[in-house]
Amino acid sequence: MKQPRQRILISDCDVEALIALERVLENNGFDTTTVCTQDETVRLLAQQQFDLVLVADHPPELNCERLLRQSKLNVPVVALENRPRHPFAEPYLLSLGARKIVHKWEHQEVQNAVNELLVRHSGETGKRAVAAAAKLG
């Protein structure tokens, strides 16, 4: 039986970036959903199951910091940046729960982060399921 493809939510107000990331990730075997606003991002996260979220860290009305501070997410989040950041920004976003911070136009960097996090996240989920089953048995 064929395994379902992992689902990624991409949130960015830059339509060109959304299209580019969607193509890269779908060509590498992922299902993607793209949104342009923070409200859409929050709504979809409440309604659907995703394996990973990529969210732009700019502009102010749609950014990773606000999403991480306002939402209790149990899905890995990658911050997408468009330009070099202040040196304190990366540790701050990581402290809020972002797993990685990557440049959205560096598609290989994005793909590497997605691969690393989805393999790690799937492994953690699998380990928790095995441990829970062991407790029951």
N, C-alpha and C. Protein backbone atom coordinates (compact mmCIF):
# COMPACT_ATOMS: atom_id res chain seq x y z
N MET A 1 0.83 -1.19 0.00
CA MET A 1 0.00 0.00 0.00
C MET A 1 0.88 1.25 0.00
N LYS A 2 0.51 2.21 -0.82
CA LYS A 2 1.28 3.44 -0.94
C LYS A 2 1.04 4.34 0.27
N GLN A 3 2.11 4.83 0.86
CA GLN A 3 1.97 5.72 2.01
C GLN A 3 1.51 7.10 1.57
N PRO A 4 0.67 7.77 2.38
CA PRO A 4 0.23 9.12 2.01
C PRO A 4 1.42 10.09 2.05
N ARG A 5 1.34 11.08 1.19
CA ARG A 5 2.40 12.08 1.15
C ARG A 5 2.28 12.99 2.36
N GLN A 6 3.42 13.47 2.85
CA GLN A 6 3.40 14.38 3.98
C GLN A 6 2.90 15.75 3.52
N ARG A 7 2.15 16.41 4.43
CA ARG A 7 1.49 17.67 4.10
C ARG A 7 2.22 18.85 4.72
N ILE A 8 2.44 19.88 3.90
CA ILE A 8 3.15 21.08 4.34
C ILE A 8 2.27 22.30 4.07
N LEU A 9 2.11 23.13 5.09
CA LEU A 9 1.41 24.41 4.94
C LEU A 9 2.47 25.48 4.74
N ILE A 10 2.33 26.26 3.66
CA ILE A 10 3.27 27.34 3.36
C ILE A 10 2.50 28.65 3.47
N SER A 11 2.99 29.55 4.32
CA SER A 11 2.31 30.81 4.59
C SER A 11 3.25 31.98 4.29
N ASP A 12 2.88 32.75 3.26
CA ASP A 12 3.71 33.90 2.86
C ASP A 12 2.85 34.82 2.02
N CYS A 13 2.99 36.12 2.19
CA CYS A 13 2.20 37.06 1.40
C CYS A 13 2.82 37.29 0.02
N ASP A 14 4.02 36.76 -0.21
CA ASP A 14 4.72 36.89 -1.49
C ASP A 14 4.28 35.73 -2.39
N VAL A 15 3.41 36.02 -3.35
CA VAL A 15 2.85 34.98 -4.21
C VAL A 15 3.93 34.27 -5.01
N GLU A 16 4.94 34.99 -5.47
CA GLU A 16 6.03 34.36 -6.22
C GLU A 16 6.76 33.34 -5.35
N ALA A 17 6.99 33.67 -4.10
CA ALA A 17 7.66 32.74 -3.20
C ALA A 17 6.78 31.52 -2.95
N LEU A 18 5.47 31.74 -2.77
CA LEU A 18 4.54 30.62 -2.56
C LEU A 18 4.59 29.65 -3.75
N ILE A 19 4.52 30.18 -4.95
CA ILE A 19 4.52 29.33 -6.14
C ILE A 19 5.84 28.57 -6.25
N ALA A 20 6.94 29.27 -6.03
CA ALA A 20 8.25 28.62 -6.14
C ALA A 20 8.41 27.50 -5.11
N LEU A 21 8.07 27.78 -3.85
CA LEU A 21 8.20 26.77 -2.80
C LEU A 21 7.24 25.60 -3.03
N GLU A 22 6.04 25.91 -3.48
CA GLU A 22 5.06 24.86 -3.78
C GLU A 22 5.62 23.91 -4.85
N ARG A 23 6.19 24.46 -5.90
CA ARG A 23 6.75 23.62 -6.98
C ARG A 23 7.90 22.77 -6.48
N VAL A 24 8.82 23.40 -5.75
CA VAL A 24 9.98 22.67 -5.24
C VAL A 24 9.54 21.51 -4.36
N LEU A 25 8.66 21.77 -3.42
CA LEU A 25 8.25 20.74 -2.46
C LEU A 25 7.37 19.67 -3.10
N GLU A 26 6.46 20.06 -3.99
CA GLU A 26 5.64 19.05 -4.66
C GLU A 26 6.47 18.18 -5.60
N ASN A 27 7.47 18.77 -6.24
CA ASN A 27 8.38 17.97 -7.09
C ASN A 27 9.21 16.99 -6.27
N ASN A 28 9.31 17.24 -4.97
CA ASN A 28 10.06 16.34 -4.09
C ASN A 28 9.14 15.43 -3.27
N GLY A 29 7.88 15.32 -3.69
CA GLY A 29 6.99 14.33 -3.11
C GLY A 29 6.11 14.76 -1.95
N PHE A 30 5.97 16.05 -1.71
CA PHE A 30 5.14 16.55 -0.62
C PHE A 30 3.84 17.14 -1.16
N ASP A 31 2.79 17.07 -0.38
CA ASP A 31 1.56 17.79 -0.67
C ASP A 31 1.67 19.15 0.00
N THR A 32 1.30 20.21 -0.70
CA THR A 32 1.40 21.54 -0.11
C THR A 32 0.05 22.25 -0.17
N THR A 33 -0.14 23.12 0.81
CA THR A 33 -1.26 24.06 0.83
C THR A 33 -0.63 25.43 1.04
N THR A 34 -1.03 26.40 0.24
CA THR A 34 -0.45 27.74 0.36
C THR A 34 -1.51 28.74 0.81
N VAL A 35 -1.08 29.67 1.66
CA VAL A 35 -1.96 30.74 2.14
C VAL A 35 -1.18 32.04 2.19
N CYS A 36 -1.94 33.15 2.15
CA CYS A 36 -1.30 34.47 2.10
C CYS A 36 -1.51 35.33 3.34
N THR A 37 -2.31 34.85 4.30
CA THR A 37 -2.57 35.67 5.48
C THR A 37 -2.40 34.86 6.76
N GLN A 38 -2.16 35.57 7.84
CA GLN A 38 -2.03 34.93 9.15
C GLN A 38 -3.36 34.30 9.56
N ASP A 39 -4.46 34.97 9.27
CA ASP A 39 -5.78 34.42 9.62
C ASP A 39 -6.02 33.09 8.92
N GLU A 40 -5.68 33.01 7.64
CA GLU A 40 -5.83 31.76 6.90
C GLU A 40 -4.94 30.67 7.50
N THR A 41 -3.74 31.05 7.87
CA THR A 41 -2.80 30.09 8.46
C THR A 41 -3.37 29.51 9.74
N VAL A 42 -3.83 30.37 10.63
CA VAL A 42 -4.39 29.92 11.91
C VAL A 42 -5.64 29.07 11.68
N ARG A 43 -6.50 29.49 10.77
CA ARG A 43 -7.72 28.74 10.48
C ARG A 43 -7.41 27.34 9.96
N LEU A 44 -6.50 27.24 9.01
CA LEU A 44 -6.17 25.93 8.46
C LEU A 44 -5.48 25.03 9.49
N LEU A 45 -4.64 25.62 10.33
CA LEU A 45 -3.99 24.81 11.37
C LEU A 45 -5.01 24.26 12.36
N ALA A 46 -6.10 24.98 12.57
CA ALA A 46 -7.15 24.51 13.47
C ALA A 46 -8.04 23.45 12.80
N GLN A 47 -8.15 23.52 11.49
CA GLN A 47 -9.08 22.64 10.78
C GLN A 47 -8.44 21.39 10.18
N GLN A 48 -7.16 21.46 9.87
CA GLN A 48 -6.53 20.36 9.14
C GLN A 48 -5.24 19.92 9.83
N GLN A 49 -4.80 18.74 9.44
CA GLN A 49 -3.56 18.18 9.97
C GLN A 49 -2.42 18.43 8.98
N PHE A 50 -1.34 19.02 9.45
CA PHE A 50 -0.16 19.24 8.63
C PHE A 50 1.03 18.61 9.33
N ASP A 51 2.02 18.20 8.54
CA ASP A 51 3.24 17.61 9.09
C ASP A 51 4.30 18.68 9.35
N LEU A 52 4.17 19.83 8.69
CA LEU A 52 5.16 20.90 8.81
C LEU A 52 4.53 22.20 8.35
N VAL A 53 4.97 23.31 8.95
CA VAL A 53 4.52 24.64 8.54
C VAL A 53 5.75 25.47 8.18
N LEU A 54 5.71 26.09 7.01
CA LEU A 54 6.72 27.07 6.60
C LEU A 54 6.02 28.42 6.63
N VAL A 55 6.55 29.36 7.40
CA VAL A 55 5.87 30.65 7.53
C VAL A 55 6.87 31.79 7.41
N ALA A 56 6.49 32.78 6.60
CA ALA A 56 7.34 33.95 6.40
C ALA A 56 7.49 34.71 7.71
N ASP A 57 8.64 35.33 7.86
CA ASP A 57 8.86 36.14 9.05
C ASP A 57 8.74 37.62 8.76
N HIS A 58 8.13 37.96 7.65
CA HIS A 58 7.91 39.35 7.28
C HIS A 58 6.81 39.37 6.25
N PRO A 59 5.94 40.27 6.20
CA PRO A 59 5.81 41.53 6.91
C PRO A 59 5.14 41.36 8.27
N PRO A 60 4.96 42.43 9.00
CA PRO A 60 4.43 42.34 10.36
C PRO A 60 3.06 41.67 10.47
N GLU A 61 2.19 41.83 9.46
CA GLU A 61 0.86 41.23 9.58
C GLU A 61 0.86 39.72 9.32
N LEU A 62 1.95 39.18 8.81
CA LEU A 62 2.07 37.74 8.57
C LEU A 62 3.48 37.35 8.95
N ASN A 63 3.69 36.87 10.16
CA ASN A 63 5.05 36.50 10.48
C ASN A 63 5.13 35.36 11.48
N CYS A 64 6.26 34.72 11.45
CA CYS A 64 6.50 33.54 12.27
C CYS A 64 6.43 33.87 13.75
N GLU A 65 6.99 34.99 14.15
CA GLU A 65 6.99 35.35 15.57
C GLU A 65 5.57 35.43 16.12
N ARG A 66 4.69 36.13 15.42
CA ARG A 66 3.29 36.26 15.88
C ARG A 66 2.60 34.90 15.93
N LEU A 67 2.83 34.08 14.92
CA LEU A 67 2.20 32.76 14.91
C LEU A 67 2.67 31.91 16.08
N LEU A 68 3.97 31.91 16.33
CA LEU A 68 4.51 31.11 17.44
C LEU A 68 4.04 31.64 18.79
N ARG A 69 3.94 32.96 18.95
CA ARG A 69 3.53 33.53 20.23
C ARG A 69 2.04 33.35 20.50
N GLN A 70 1.22 33.36 19.44
CA GLN A 70 -0.22 33.32 19.62
C GLN A 70 -0.81 31.92 19.55
N SER A 71 -0.09 30.96 19.04
CA SER A 71 -0.66 29.64 18.80
C SER A 71 0.11 28.57 19.55
N LYS A 72 -0.62 27.59 20.03
CA LYS A 72 0.00 26.40 20.62
C LYS A 72 0.06 25.35 19.51
N LEU A 73 1.20 25.25 18.87
CA LEU A 73 1.33 24.37 17.72
C LEU A 73 2.02 23.07 18.11
N ASN A 74 1.52 21.97 17.63
CA ASN A 74 2.20 20.70 17.83
C ASN A 74 2.64 20.14 16.48
N VAL A 75 3.14 21.04 15.66
CA VAL A 75 3.67 20.71 14.35
C VAL A 75 4.96 21.54 14.20
N PRO A 76 6.00 20.96 13.59
CA PRO A 76 7.24 21.73 13.42
C PRO A 76 7.01 22.96 12.54
N VAL A 77 7.65 24.06 12.93
CA VAL A 77 7.53 25.32 12.19
C VAL A 77 8.92 25.75 11.73
N VAL A 78 8.99 26.14 10.46
CA VAL A 78 10.22 26.70 9.88
C VAL A 78 9.93 28.14 9.51
N ALA A 79 10.77 29.04 9.98
CA ALA A 79 10.64 30.46 9.63
C ALA A 79 11.34 30.70 8.29
N LEU A 80 10.63 31.37 7.40
CA LEU A 80 11.18 31.73 6.09
C LEU A 80 11.57 33.19 6.13
N GLU A 81 12.83 33.46 5.87
CA GLU A 81 13.24 34.86 5.84
C GLU A 81 13.62 35.27 4.43
N ASN A 82 13.53 36.56 4.21
CA ASN A 82 13.78 37.11 2.88
C ASN A 82 15.08 37.90 2.82
N ARG A 83 15.58 38.26 3.96
CA ARG A 83 16.80 39.08 4.00
C ARG A 83 17.56 38.74 5.28
N PRO A 84 18.83 39.12 5.34
CA PRO A 84 19.58 38.84 6.58
C PRO A 84 18.91 39.49 7.77
N ARG A 85 18.94 38.79 8.89
CA ARG A 85 18.25 39.26 10.09
C ARG A 85 19.24 39.79 11.12
N HIS A 86 18.72 40.49 12.06
CA HIS A 86 19.49 40.93 13.21
C HIS A 86 20.03 39.68 13.91
N PRO A 87 21.26 39.71 14.43
CA PRO A 87 21.84 38.50 15.04
C PRO A 87 21.05 37.92 16.20
N PHE A 88 20.22 38.73 16.87
CA PHE A 88 19.43 38.21 17.99
C PHE A 88 18.12 37.58 17.55
N ALA A 89 17.72 37.80 16.30
CA ALA A 89 16.43 37.32 15.83
C ALA A 89 16.37 35.80 15.78
N GLU A 90 17.43 35.16 15.27
CA GLU A 90 17.39 33.71 15.16
C GLU A 90 17.25 33.02 16.51
N PRO A 91 18.08 33.35 17.51
CA PRO A 91 17.88 32.70 18.81
C PRO A 91 16.50 32.98 19.39
N TYR A 92 15.97 34.17 19.14
CA TYR A 92 14.65 34.52 19.66
C TYR A 92 13.57 33.64 19.04
N LEU A 93 13.57 33.51 17.71
CA LEU A 93 12.57 32.66 17.04
C LEU A 93 12.71 31.20 17.47
N LEU A 94 13.93 30.75 17.62
CA LEU A 94 14.15 29.37 18.07
C LEU A 94 13.62 29.19 19.49
N SER A 95 13.78 30.20 20.34
CA SER A 95 13.29 30.10 21.71
C SER A 95 11.75 30.07 21.76
N LEU A 96 11.10 30.64 20.75
CA LEU A 96 9.64 30.61 20.68
C LEU A 96 9.11 29.29 20.13
N GLY A 97 10.01 28.49 19.55
CA GLY A 97 9.59 27.18 19.07
C GLY A 97 9.85 26.89 17.60
N ALA A 98 10.36 27.86 16.85
CA ALA A 98 10.72 27.57 15.46
C ALA A 98 11.83 26.51 15.47
N ARG A 99 11.74 25.57 14.57
CA ARG A 99 12.75 24.50 14.51
C ARG A 99 13.94 24.90 13.65
N LYS A 100 13.69 25.69 12.63
CA LYS A 100 14.74 26.14 11.71
C LYS A 100 14.37 27.51 11.19
N ILE A 101 15.40 28.22 10.71
CA ILE A 101 15.19 29.49 10.04
C ILE A 101 16.00 29.40 8.74
N VAL A 102 15.30 29.56 7.62
CA VAL A 102 15.94 29.42 6.32
C VAL A 102 15.55 30.58 5.41
N HIS A 103 16.38 30.81 4.41
CA HIS A 103 16.09 31.85 3.43
C HIS A 103 15.14 31.27 2.40
N LYS A 104 14.01 31.94 2.17
CA LYS A 104 12.96 31.37 1.33
C LYS A 104 13.35 31.21 -0.14
N TRP A 105 14.36 31.93 -0.60
CA TRP A 105 14.78 31.80 -2.00
C TRP A 105 15.93 30.80 -2.16
N GLU A 106 16.42 30.25 -1.06
CA GLU A 106 17.45 29.20 -1.12
C GLU A 106 16.72 27.86 -1.07
N HIS A 107 16.24 27.42 -2.21
CA HIS A 107 15.35 26.26 -2.26
C HIS A 107 16.00 24.97 -1.76
N GLN A 108 17.28 24.80 -1.99
CA GLN A 108 17.95 23.60 -1.48
C GLN A 108 18.01 23.64 0.05
N GLU A 109 18.25 24.81 0.61
CA GLU A 109 18.25 24.97 2.07
C GLU A 109 16.87 24.66 2.65
N VAL A 110 15.83 25.14 1.98
CA VAL A 110 14.46 24.86 2.43
C VAL A 110 14.20 23.36 2.35
N GLN A 111 14.54 22.74 1.23
CA GLN A 111 14.32 21.31 1.05
C GLN A 111 15.08 20.49 2.09
N ASN A 112 16.31 20.88 2.37
CA ASN A 112 17.10 20.16 3.39
C ASN A 112 16.45 20.26 4.77
N ALA A 113 15.96 21.45 5.12
CA ALA A 113 15.29 21.63 6.42
C ALA A 113 14.02 20.80 6.49
N VAL A 114 13.25 20.80 5.42
CA VAL A 114 12.01 20.01 5.39
C VAL A 114 12.33 18.54 5.56
N ASN A 115 13.29 18.04 4.79
CA ASN A 115 13.65 16.62 4.89
C ASN A 115 14.11 16.27 6.30
N GLU A 116 14.98 17.09 6.87
CA GLU A 116 15.51 16.82 8.21
C GLU A 116 14.39 16.82 9.26
N LEU A 117 13.53 17.81 9.21
CA LEU A 117 12.49 17.93 10.23
C LEU A 117 11.40 16.88 10.09
N LEU A 118 11.03 16.56 8.88
CA LEU A 118 9.97 15.57 8.73
C LEU A 118 10.46 14.17 9.09
N VAL A 119 11.69 13.86 8.80
CA VAL A 119 12.24 12.57 9.21
C VAL A 119 12.36 12.53 10.73
N ARG A 120 12.86 13.61 11.35
CA ARG A 120 13.02 13.67 12.80
C ARG A 120 11.65 13.64 13.48
N HIS A 121 10.70 14.45 12.98
CA HIS A 121 9.37 14.52 13.58
C HIS A 121 8.65 13.18 13.46
N SER A 122 8.75 12.54 12.30
CA SER A 122 8.13 11.23 12.11
C SER A 122 8.75 10.21 13.05
N GLY A 123 10.07 10.29 13.23
CA GLY A 123 10.74 9.38 14.14
C GLY A 123 10.31 9.59 15.57
N GLU A 124 10.16 10.85 16.00
CA GLU A 124 9.71 11.14 17.37
C GLU A 124 8.29 10.63 17.58
N THR A 125 7.44 10.85 16.60
CA THR A 125 6.05 10.39 16.70
C THR A 125 6.02 8.88 16.80
N GLY A 126 6.81 8.22 15.99
CA GLY A 126 6.86 6.76 16.02
C GLY A 126 7.37 6.24 17.35
N LYS A 127 8.38 6.88 17.92
CA LYS A 127 8.92 6.46 19.22
C LYS A 127 7.88 6.62 20.32
N ARG A 128 7.12 7.74 20.29
CA ARG A 128 6.08 7.95 21.29
C ARG A 128 4.99 6.90 21.16
N ALA A 129 4.63 6.53 19.92
CA ALA A 129 3.58 5.52 19.71
C ALA A 129 4.04 4.18 20.22
N VAL A 130 5.30 3.82 19.98
CA VAL A 130 5.83 2.55 20.48
C VAL A 130 5.85 2.54 22.00
N ALA A 131 6.27 3.65 22.61
CA ALA A 131 6.31 3.73 24.08
C ALA A 131 4.90 3.64 24.66
N ALA A 132 3.93 4.31 24.04
CA ALA A 132 2.55 4.25 24.53
C ALA A 132 1.99 2.83 24.41
N ALA A 133 2.30 2.17 23.31
CA ALA A 133 1.82 0.79 23.11
C ALA A 133 2.45 -0.14 24.13
N ALA A 134 3.71 0.10 24.47
CA ALA A 134 4.40 -0.75 25.45
C ALA A 134 3.75 -0.59 26.82
N LYS A 135 3.33 0.63 27.17
CA LYS A 135 2.68 0.87 28.45
C LYS A 135 1.33 0.15 28.53
N LEU A 136 0.64 0.10 27.40
CA LEU A 136 -0.67 -0.56 27.37
C LEU A 136 -0.53 -2.08 27.46
N GLY A 137 0.53 -2.60 26.89
CA GLY A 137 0.70 -4.06 26.82
C GLY A 137 1.41 -4.57 27.97
